[in-house]
Structures are given as C-alpha cells and as structure tokens.
C-alpha atoms as a PDB file:
ATOM      1  CA  MET A   1     143.366 -46.892  11.729  1.00  0.00           C
ATOM      2  CA  ILE A   2     139.606 -47.439  11.733  1.00  0.00           C
ATOM      3  CA  ALA A   3     139.064 -43.864  12.939  1.00  0.00           C
ATOM      4  CA  VAL A   4     141.217 -42.506  10.094  1.00  0.00           C
ATOM      5  CA  VAL A   5     139.243 -44.517   7.521  1.00  0.00           C
ATOM      6  CA  ILE A   6     135.912 -43.405   8.978  1.00  0.00           C
ATOM      7  CA  LEU A   7     136.960 -39.755   9.055  1.00  0.00           C
ATOM      8  CA  GLY A   8     138.363 -40.032   5.544  1.00  0.00           C
ATOM      9  CA  ILE A   9     135.170 -41.473   4.134  1.00  0.00           C
ATOM     10  CA  PHE A  10     132.551 -39.571   6.113  1.00  0.00           C
ATOM     11  CA  GLY A  11     134.389 -36.316   6.735  1.00  0.00           C
ATOM     12  CA  THR A  12     136.415 -35.690   3.629  1.00  0.00           C
ATOM     13  CA  GLY A  13     134.797 -38.016   1.105  1.00  0.00           C
ATOM     14  CA  PHE A  14     131.228 -36.839   1.544  1.00  0.00           C
ATOM     15  CA  THR A  15     132.371 -33.220   1.678  1.00  0.00           C
ATOM     16  CA  PHE A  16     134.153 -33.535  -1.653  1.00  0.00           C
ATOM     17  CA  ALA A  17     131.149 -35.265  -3.192  1.00  0.00           C
ATOM     18  CA  LEU A  18     128.835 -32.500  -1.972  1.00  0.00           C
ATOM     19  CA  ASN A  19     131.232 -29.819  -3.177  1.00  0.00           C
ATOM     20  CA  TYR A  20     131.477 -31.345  -6.658  1.00  0.00           C
ATOM     21  CA  ARG A  21     127.691 -31.619  -6.774  1.00  0.00           C
ATOM     22  CA  LEU A  22     127.390 -27.951  -5.763  1.00  0.00           C
ATOM     23  CA  ILE A  23     129.806 -26.956  -8.522  1.00  0.00           C
ATOM     24  CA  ALA A  24     127.857 -28.995 -11.067  1.00  0.00           C
ATOM     25  CA  ASP A  25     124.480 -27.608  -9.978  1.00  0.00           C
ATOM     26  CA  GLU A  26     125.291 -23.985  -9.168  1.00  0.00           C
ATOM     27  CA  GLY A  27     128.593 -23.269 -10.906  1.00  0.00           C
ATOM     28  CA  ALA A  28     132.081 -22.617  -9.625  1.00  0.00           C
ATOM     29  CA  THR A  29     131.456 -18.979  -8.696  1.00  0.00           C
ATOM     30  CA  ASN A  30     128.518 -19.788  -6.451  1.00  0.00           C
ATOM     31  CA  ALA A  31     130.363 -22.731  -4.923  1.00  0.00           C
ATOM     32  CA  ALA A  32     133.314 -20.465  -4.093  1.00  0.00           C
ATOM     33  CA  THR A  33     131.069 -18.135  -2.084  1.00  0.00           C
ATOM     34  CA  VAL A  34     130.663 -20.926   0.473  1.00  0.00           C
ATOM     35  CA  GLY A  35     134.231 -20.338   1.618  1.00  0.00           C
ATOM     36  CA  CYS A  36     133.557 -16.628   2.022  1.00  0.00           C
ATOM     37  CA  LEU A  37     130.408 -17.202   4.064  1.00  0.00           C
ATOM     38  CA  LEU A  38     131.907 -19.682   6.539  1.00  0.00           C
ATOM     39  CA  PRO A  39     133.397 -16.991   8.830  1.00  0.00           C
ATOM     40  CA  VAL A  40     130.156 -14.991   8.744  1.00  0.00           C
ATOM     41  CA  VAL A  41     128.084 -18.017   9.763  1.00  0.00           C
ATOM     42  CA  SER A  42     130.626 -19.051  12.404  1.00  0.00           C
ATOM     43  CA  ILE A  43     130.633 -15.611  14.005  1.00  0.00           C
ATOM     44  CA  ALA A  44     126.831 -15.397  13.903  1.00  0.00           C
ATOM     45  CA  ILE A  45     126.425 -18.837  15.512  1.00  0.00           C
ATOM     46  CA  GLY A  46     129.041 -17.962  18.128  1.00  0.00           C
ATOM     47  CA  ALA A  47     127.154 -14.789  18.992  1.00  0.00           C
ATOM     48  CA  LEU A  48     123.759 -16.492  19.104  1.00  0.00           C
ATOM     49  CA  VAL A  49     124.597 -19.826  20.728  1.00  0.00           C
ATOM     50  CA  LEU A  50     127.684 -19.091  22.798  1.00  0.00           C
ATOM     51  CA  ASP A  51     126.771 -15.490  23.660  1.00  0.00           C
ATOM     52  CA  LYS A  52     130.027 -14.131  22.229  1.00  0.00           C
ATOM     53  CA  ALA A  53     130.393 -10.362  22.032  1.00  0.00           C
ATOM     54  CA  LEU A  54     130.229  -8.709  18.618  1.00  0.00           C
ATOM     55  CA  ALA A  55     132.417  -5.676  18.022  1.00  0.00           C
ATOM     56  CA  PHE A  56     131.508  -3.030  15.481  1.00  0.00           C
ATOM     57  CA  ARG A  57     134.466  -4.005  13.302  1.00  0.00           C
ATOM     58  CA  THR A  58     133.294  -7.624  13.247  1.00  0.00           C
ATOM     59  CA  VAL A  59     129.782  -6.675  12.170  1.00  0.00           C
ATOM     60  CA  ALA A  60     131.210  -4.284   9.564  1.00  0.00           C
ATOM     61  CA  GLY A  61     133.396  -7.076   8.223  1.00  0.00           C
ATOM     62  CA  MET A  62     130.387  -9.386   8.002  1.00  0.00           C
ATOM     63  CA  VAL A  63     128.498  -6.743   6.030  1.00  0.00           C
ATOM     64  CA  VAL A  64     131.423  -6.322   3.644  1.00  0.00           C
ATOM     65  CA  VAL A  65     131.624 -10.086   3.052  1.00  0.00           C
ATOM     66  CA  LEU A  66     127.867 -10.350   2.467  1.00  0.00           C
ATOM     67  CA  ALA A  67     127.930  -7.337   0.141  1.00  0.00           C
ATOM     68  CA  GLY A  68     130.713  -8.966  -1.860  1.00  0.00           C
ATOM     69  CA  ALA A  69     129.205 -12.445  -1.990  1.00  0.00           C
ATOM     70  CA  GLY A  70     125.651 -11.292  -2.679  1.00  0.00           C
ATOM     71  CA  PRO A  71     126.116 -10.140  -6.282  1.00  0.00           C
ATOM     72  CA  ALA A  72     127.769 -13.455  -7.135  1.00  0.00           C
ATOM     73  CA  ARG A  73     124.465 -15.199  -6.360  1.00  0.00           C
ATOM     74  CA  TRP A  74     122.333 -12.912  -8.516  1.00  0.00           C
ATOM     75  CA  GLN A  75     121.511 -14.465 -11.849  1.00  0.00           C
ATOM     76  CA  LYS A  76     119.405 -13.299 -14.719  1.00  0.00           C
ATOM     77  CA  ARG A  77     116.177 -15.271 -14.770  1.00  0.00           C
ATOM     78  CA  THR A  78     115.487 -16.809 -18.151  1.00  0.00           C
ATOM     79  CA  ASN A  79     112.350 -18.289 -19.566  1.00  0.00           C
ATOM     80  CA  SER A  80     112.456 -22.004 -18.746  1.00  0.00           C
ATOM     81  CA  ALA A  81     111.198 -23.006 -22.199  1.00  0.00           C
ATOM     82  CA  SER A  82     113.877 -21.018 -24.015  1.00  0.00           C
ATOM     83  CA  SER A  83     116.592 -22.297 -21.687  1.00  0.00           C
ATOM     84  CA  LEU A  84     115.506 -25.881 -22.354  1.00  0.00           C
ATOM     85  CA  VAL A  85     115.725 -25.286 -26.094  1.00  0.00           C
ATOM     86  CA  THR A  86     119.161 -23.732 -25.688  1.00  0.00           C
ATOM     87  CA  ALA A  87     120.294 -26.626 -23.493  1.00  0.00           C
ATOM     88  CA  GLY A  88     118.964 -29.123 -26.035  1.00  0.00           C
ATOM     89  CA  GLN A  89     120.782 -27.353 -28.848  1.00  0.00           C
ATOM     90  CA  ALA A  90     124.004 -27.374 -26.847  1.00  0.00           C
ATOM     91  CA  VAL A  91     123.664 -31.070 -26.082  1.00  0.00           C
ATOM     92  CA  GLY A  92     122.850 -31.810 -29.702  1.00  0.00           C
ATOM     93  CA  SER A  93     125.861 -29.864 -30.938  1.00  0.00           C
ATOM     94  CA  ARG A  94     128.175 -31.692 -28.516  1.00  0.00           C
ATOM     95  CA  THR A  95     126.930 -35.089 -29.594  1.00  0.00           C
ATOM     96  CA  ALA A  96     127.292 -34.135 -33.239  1.00  0.00           C
ATOM     97  CA  VAL A  97     130.950 -33.241 -32.697  1.00  0.00           C
ATOM     98  CA  ARG A  98     131.706 -36.601 -31.113  1.00  0.00           C
END
C-alpha cells in the first residue's frame, strides 16, 4: 500500500502538476506536442544508449513527426511592451466584468 501511495504521489501527481503548469505557461497546443515527441526521443535514446539499429522507415517516421510538431512551436514574436499593455488591458477588462 505504501508503494502505491508513493507511486501515486511522485509518479502521477507530480506529472499532472508539471503538465498543468506546461499548459498554463505554453498553451495546450505546445503541451500536446510532448506526446508526439515521446516516441522520437525514446527511439533516439535507444539508438544512442542501447545501440539499437535504426531502419530507414524509423528515421523517416521521426522526420515526419518532427516536421509536424515543429510548426506548432513557432510563434510570432511580439514586442514585450505592447504585449504587457495588452495583457494589462485583458486583466483589467476581466476584473471590470466581475
């Protein structure tokens, strides 16, 4: 029972907390790309650490996943001063509605 509690708190609990923090900081789209990149990282670590063989189809699949997840990470850079003003206006409008 102690092992279940420890795994529940440290394994699942911290993971959910980190995932919610990632969603809050980066947005849901960027947080969803983590699930797409897990197989790519796992295959790369297996090839590097465990000396697993990489087939052409595997490498091609990794390229397709990276090509699909890459554009999700690209964001338009905004001027930090203008984004702060916009954020302040949004916060002010929300508090005015309450």
